[in-house]
Amino acid sequence: MELNKCSRCGAFYTTSSNVCPNCVPKDTCDQLNLKNFLVENEMPASIEALSADTGISMKNLNRFLDNDDFNVYL
């Protein structure tokens, strides 16, 4: 069994995801909000503006935008 550190909250957990089981629903909700925002709006000029527009932290935005799922919107 391998301990992992949640990239969202910093808690330790043992599943293979990059976030702990408590943060999975939060991540899913934020990713859906980000996808909807990017579909309906132009990409803001900065990550700070995107964070302000979506309410998603810059830390999590950077993590999401590094994911290939969001390359379609960029």
Protein backbone atom coordinates (compact mmCIF):
# COMPACT_ATOMS: atom_id res chain seq x y z
CA MET A 1 0.00 0.00 0.00
CA GLU A 2 1.45 3.35 -1.10
CA LEU A 3 0.69 6.66 0.59
CA ASN A 4 -0.05 9.58 -1.70
CA LYS A 5 -0.44 13.25 -0.89
CA CYS A 6 -3.56 14.95 -2.25
CA SER A 7 -2.64 17.65 -4.76
CA ARG A 8 -5.73 19.61 -3.72
CA CYS A 9 -5.82 19.57 0.11
CA GLY A 10 -2.52 17.94 1.12
CA ALA A 11 -4.09 15.02 3.00
CA PHE A 12 -2.52 11.59 2.78
CA TYR A 13 -4.50 8.74 1.22
CA THR A 14 -3.95 5.32 -0.35
CA THR A 15 -5.90 5.34 -3.64
CA SER A 16 -4.16 5.77 -7.00
CA SER A 17 -5.86 9.08 -7.90
CA ASN A 18 -3.98 12.38 -7.66
CA VAL A 19 -6.55 13.67 -5.15
CA CYS A 20 -7.95 12.11 -1.99
CA PRO A 21 -11.44 10.56 -1.98
CA ASN A 22 -12.80 13.63 -0.15
CA CYS A 23 -11.60 15.96 -2.91
CA VAL A 24 -12.77 13.91 -5.91
CA PRO A 25 -16.28 15.48 -5.93
CA LYS A 26 -14.78 18.98 -5.57
CA ASP A 27 -12.37 18.33 -8.44
CA THR A 28 -15.16 16.96 -10.62
CA CYS A 29 -17.33 20.01 -9.94
CA ASP A 30 -14.48 22.47 -10.62
CA GLN A 31 -13.51 20.68 -13.84
CA LEU A 32 -17.11 20.79 -15.06
CA ASN A 33 -17.36 24.49 -14.19
CA LEU A 34 -14.10 25.18 -16.02
CA LYS A 35 -15.20 23.26 -19.13
CA ASN A 36 -18.52 25.10 -19.18
CA PHE A 37 -16.80 28.45 -18.77
CA LEU A 38 -14.33 27.75 -21.58
CA VAL A 39 -17.12 26.61 -23.92
CA GLU A 40 -19.23 29.70 -23.26
CA ASN A 41 -16.47 32.36 -23.02
CA GLU A 42 -13.18 33.35 -24.54
CA MET A 43 -10.08 32.37 -22.63
CA PRO A 44 -9.12 35.27 -20.34
CA ALA A 45 -5.73 36.90 -20.80
CA SER A 46 -4.31 35.48 -17.58
CA ILE A 47 -4.67 32.60 -15.14
CA GLU A 48 -5.51 35.19 -12.47
CA ALA A 49 -8.48 36.44 -14.53
CA LEU A 50 -9.62 32.88 -15.20
CA SER A 51 -9.45 32.17 -11.48
CA ALA A 52 -11.49 35.29 -10.69
CA ASP A 53 -14.07 34.45 -13.37
CA THR A 54 -14.54 30.81 -12.35
CA GLY A 55 -13.84 30.89 -8.61
CA ILE A 56 -11.30 28.06 -9.03
CA SER A 57 -7.93 28.52 -7.35
CA MET A 58 -4.92 29.16 -9.56
CA LYS A 59 -3.27 26.05 -8.12
CA ASN A 60 -6.15 23.87 -9.27
CA LEU A 61 -6.50 25.68 -12.61
CA ASN A 62 -2.85 24.98 -13.38
CA ARG A 63 -3.36 21.34 -12.47
CA PHE A 64 -6.48 21.07 -14.65
CA LEU A 65 -5.01 22.94 -17.62
CA ASP A 66 -1.98 20.62 -17.63
CA ASN A 67 -4.46 17.81 -18.30
CA ASP A 68 -4.90 16.86 -21.97
CA ASP A 69 -8.69 17.03 -21.58
CA PHE A 70 -8.52 20.82 -21.66
CA ASN A 71 -6.26 21.19 -24.73
CA VAL A 72 -9.39 21.29 -26.90
CA TYR A 73 -10.50 24.53 -25.22
CA LEU A 74 -7.16 26.35 -25.31
